[in-house]
């Protein structure tokens, strides 16, 4: 009877030690993974912030050199609208073609124009 209770006690003790080790090392590895994930997320966030900052700081000439998207605004009257010009031969169409062919940019136009009445 004494040996039986001793075996049970040893078995329980071994079980508790094994479970404690599993809990400790499992928690340790979980924290290491969490720290690695946090480090990766921070690096990606910093990289994205730098890219956004760099893109926001580009001026027209930098965008043209790098072949980026260029947006420009036309404000004016019938001349700004290119009234009387044939389609594709208006001044902003020629400008777009020149920008695409020379600098390989993608131009977008916004117009605030009012033609003659």
C-alpha atoms as a PDB file:
ATOM      1  CA  UNK A   1       0.000   0.000   0.000  1.00  0.00           C
ATOM      2  CA  UNK A   2       2.854   2.320   0.869  1.00  0.00           C
ATOM      3  CA  UNK A   3       4.515   1.610  -2.530  1.00  0.00           C
ATOM      4  CA  UNK A   4       1.255   2.210  -4.350  1.00  0.00           C
ATOM      5  CA  UNK A   5       0.723   5.651  -2.835  1.00  0.00           C
ATOM      6  CA  UNK A   6       4.389   6.476  -3.394  1.00  0.00           C
ATOM      7  CA  UNK A   7       4.062   5.568  -7.092  1.00  0.00           C
ATOM      8  CA  UNK A   8       0.905   7.657  -7.403  1.00  0.00           C
ATOM      9  CA  UNK A   9       2.630  10.602  -5.749  1.00  0.00           C
ATOM     10  CA  UNK A  10       5.687  10.270  -8.015  1.00  0.00           C
ATOM     11  CA  UNK A  11       3.422   9.985 -11.085  1.00  0.00           C
ATOM     12  CA  UNK A  12       1.518  13.118 -10.075  1.00  0.00           C
ATOM     13  CA  UNK A  13       4.772  14.947  -9.345  1.00  0.00           C
ATOM     14  CA  UNK A  14       6.219  13.981 -12.750  1.00  0.00           C
ATOM     15  CA  UNK A  15       2.964  15.047 -14.424  1.00  0.00           C
ATOM     16  CA  UNK A  16       3.059  18.437 -12.659  1.00  0.00           C
ATOM     17  CA  UNK A  17       6.724  18.986 -13.613  1.00  0.00           C
ATOM     18  CA  UNK A  18       6.086  18.035 -17.259  1.00  0.00           C
ATOM     19  CA  UNK A  19       3.015  20.281 -17.451  1.00  0.00           C
ATOM     20  CA  UNK A  20       4.966  23.115 -15.814  1.00  0.00           C
ATOM     21  CA  UNK A  21       7.756  22.734 -18.373  1.00  0.00           C
ATOM     22  CA  UNK A  22       5.267  22.651 -21.238  1.00  0.00           C
ATOM     23  CA  UNK A  23       3.540  25.745 -19.905  1.00  0.00           C
ATOM     24  CA  UNK A  24       6.810  27.617 -19.289  1.00  0.00           C
ATOM     25  CA  UNK A  25       8.437  26.798 -22.631  1.00  0.00           C
ATOM     26  CA  UNK A  26       5.176  27.167 -24.543  1.00  0.00           C
ATOM     27  CA  UNK A  27       4.689  30.614 -23.039  1.00  0.00           C
ATOM     28  CA  UNK A  28       8.331  31.484 -23.729  1.00  0.00           C
ATOM     29  CA  UNK A  29       8.094  30.452 -27.406  1.00  0.00           C
ATOM     30  CA  UNK A  30       4.766  32.239 -27.747  1.00  0.00           C
ATOM     31  CA  UNK A  31       6.311  35.455 -26.440  1.00  0.00           C
ATOM     32  CA  UNK A  32       9.266  35.048 -28.802  1.00  0.00           C
ATOM     33  CA  UNK A  33       6.897  34.615 -31.752  1.00  0.00           C
ATOM     34  CA  UNK A  34       4.875  37.613 -30.612  1.00  0.00           C
ATOM     35  CA  UNK A  35       8.013  39.738 -30.332  1.00  0.00           C
ATOM     36  CA  UNK A  36       9.149  38.642 -33.814  1.00  0.00           C
ATOM     37  CA  UNK A  37       5.713  39.441 -35.245  1.00  0.00           C
ATOM     38  CA  UNK A  38       5.783  42.852 -33.535  1.00  0.00           C
ATOM     39  CA  UNK A  39       9.274  43.527 -34.913  1.00  0.00           C
ATOM     40  CA  UNK A  40       8.187  42.567 -38.453  1.00  0.00           C
ATOM     41  CA  UNK A  41       5.057  44.714 -38.194  1.00  0.00           C
ATOM     42  CA  UNK A  42       7.094  47.660 -36.979  1.00  0.00           C
ATOM     43  CA  UNK A  43       9.585  47.250 -39.837  1.00  0.00           C
ATOM     44  CA  UNK A  44       6.799  47.054 -42.421  1.00  0.00           C
ATOM     45  CA  UNK A  45       5.067  50.077 -40.923  1.00  0.00           C
ATOM     46  CA  UNK A  46       8.287  52.086 -40.912  1.00  0.00           C
ATOM     47  CA  UNK A  47       9.021  51.072 -44.509  1.00  0.00           C
ATOM     48  CA  UNK A  48       5.520  52.080 -45.600  1.00  0.00           C
ATOM     49  CA  UNK A  49       5.819  55.422 -43.805  1.00  0.00           C
ATOM     50  CA  UNK A  50       9.154  56.101 -45.524  1.00  0.00           C
ATOM     51  CA  UNK A  51       7.748  55.220 -48.959  1.00  0.00           C
ATOM     52  CA  UNK A  52       4.705  57.420 -48.365  1.00  0.00           C
ATOM     53  CA  UNK A  53       6.909  60.238 -47.136  1.00  0.00           C
ATOM     54  CA  UNK A  54       9.183  59.922 -50.167  1.00  0.00           C
ATOM     55  CA  UNK A  55       6.250  59.846 -52.582  1.00  0.00           C
ATOM     56  CA  UNK A  56       4.711  62.918 -50.968  1.00  0.00           C
ATOM     57  CA  UNK A  57       7.976  64.828 -51.204  1.00  0.00           C
ATOM     58  CA  UNK A  58       8.426  64.314 -54.961  1.00  0.00           C
ATOM     59  CA  UNK A  59       8.028  67.447 -57.030  1.00  0.00           C
ATOM     60  CA  UNK A  60       6.940  67.572 -60.667  1.00  0.00           C
ATOM     61  CA  UNK A  61      10.455  67.141 -62.039  1.00  0.00           C
ATOM     62  CA  UNK A  62      11.188  64.139 -59.800  1.00  0.00           C
ATOM     63  CA  UNK A  63       7.924  62.517 -60.886  1.00  0.00           C
ATOM     64  CA  UNK A  64       8.797  63.121 -64.535  1.00  0.00           C
ATOM     65  CA  UNK A  65      12.262  61.596 -64.112  1.00  0.00           C
ATOM     66  CA  UNK A  66      10.797  58.519 -62.426  1.00  0.00           C
ATOM     67  CA  UNK A  67       7.888  58.120 -64.868  1.00  0.00           C
ATOM     68  CA  UNK A  68       5.246  58.543 -62.162  1.00  0.00           C
ATOM     69  CA  UNK A  69       1.629  59.669 -62.446  1.00  0.00           C
ATOM     70  CA  UNK A  70       1.223  63.412 -62.997  1.00  0.00           C
ATOM     71  CA  UNK A  71      -2.004  65.291 -62.387  1.00  0.00           C
ATOM     72  CA  UNK A  72      -2.490  68.804 -63.614  1.00  0.00           C
ATOM     73  CA  UNK A  73      -5.307  71.333 -63.541  1.00  0.00           C
ATOM     74  CA  UNK A  74      -6.425  73.553 -66.409  1.00  0.00           C
ATOM     75  CA  UNK A  75      -8.232  76.717 -65.386  1.00  0.00           C
ATOM     76  CA  UNK A  76      -9.445  79.022 -68.107  1.00  0.00           C
ATOM     77  CA  UNK A  77     -11.830  79.975 -70.836  1.00  0.00           C
ATOM     78  CA  UNK A  78     -12.353  78.714 -74.384  1.00  0.00           C
ATOM     79  CA  UNK A  79      -8.606  78.742 -75.035  1.00  0.00           C
ATOM     80  CA  UNK A  80      -8.031  76.504 -72.013  1.00  0.00           C
ATOM     81  CA  UNK A  81     -10.813  74.301 -73.318  1.00  0.00           C
ATOM     82  CA  UNK A  82      -9.217  74.205 -76.795  1.00  0.00           C
ATOM     83  CA  UNK A  83     -12.428  75.248 -78.527  1.00  0.00           C
ATOM     84  CA  UNK A  84     -12.056  74.965 -82.281  1.00  0.00           C
ATOM     85  CA  UNK A  85      -9.213  72.437 -82.198  1.00  0.00           C
ATOM     86  CA  UNK A  86      -9.715  69.050 -83.740  1.00  0.00           C
ATOM     87  CA  UNK A  87      -9.989  66.122 -81.378  1.00  0.00           C
ATOM     88  CA  UNK A  88      -6.532  64.885 -80.384  1.00  0.00           C
ATOM     89  CA  UNK A  89      -4.859  68.071 -81.594  1.00  0.00           C
ATOM     90  CA  UNK A  90      -5.885  70.260 -78.697  1.00  0.00           C
ATOM     91  CA  UNK A  91      -3.030  71.691 -76.686  1.00  0.00           C
ATOM     92  CA  UNK A  92      -3.497  69.436 -73.645  1.00  0.00           C
ATOM     93  CA  UNK A  93      -3.721  66.353 -75.886  1.00  0.00           C
ATOM     94  CA  UNK A  94      -0.397  67.330 -77.453  1.00  0.00           C
ATOM     95  CA  UNK A  95       1.053  67.944 -73.972  1.00  0.00           C
ATOM     96  CA  UNK A  96      -0.133  64.520 -72.786  1.00  0.00           C
ATOM     97  CA  UNK A  97       1.401  62.825 -75.809  1.00  0.00           C
ATOM     98  CA  UNK A  98       4.702  64.654 -75.270  1.00  0.00           C
ATOM     99  CA  UNK A  99       4.777  63.713 -71.567  1.00  0.00           C
ATOM    100  CA  UNK A 100       4.023  60.053 -72.337  1.00  0.00           C
ATOM    101  CA  UNK A 101       6.531  59.742 -75.171  1.00  0.00           C
ATOM    102  CA  UNK A 102       9.378  61.763 -73.677  1.00  0.00           C
ATOM    103  CA  UNK A 103       9.131  61.039 -69.930  1.00  0.00           C
ATOM    104  CA  UNK A 104       6.981  57.873 -69.880  1.00  0.00           C
ATOM    105  CA  UNK A 105       4.634  59.427 -67.314  1.00  0.00           C
ATOM    106  CA  UNK A 106       0.920  58.866 -66.923  1.00  0.00           C
ATOM    107  CA  UNK A 107      -0.791  62.280 -67.124  1.00  0.00           C
ATOM    108  CA  UNK A 108      -4.264  63.002 -65.748  1.00  0.00           C
ATOM    109  CA  UNK A 109      -6.099  66.246 -66.478  1.00  0.00           C
ATOM    110  CA  UNK A 110      -8.613  68.070 -64.338  1.00  0.00           C
ATOM    111  CA  UNK A 111     -10.280  71.015 -66.041  1.00  0.00           C
ATOM    112  CA  UNK A 112     -12.150  74.025 -64.746  1.00  0.00           C
ATOM    113  CA  UNK A 113     -12.901  75.810 -68.000  1.00  0.00           C
ATOM    114  CA  UNK A 114     -15.773  77.762 -69.423  1.00  0.00           C
ATOM    115  CA  UNK A 115     -16.052  78.253 -73.142  1.00  0.00           C
ATOM    116  CA  UNK A 116     -17.528  81.256 -74.928  1.00  0.00           C
ATOM    117  CA  UNK A 117     -21.307  81.545 -74.938  1.00  0.00           C
END
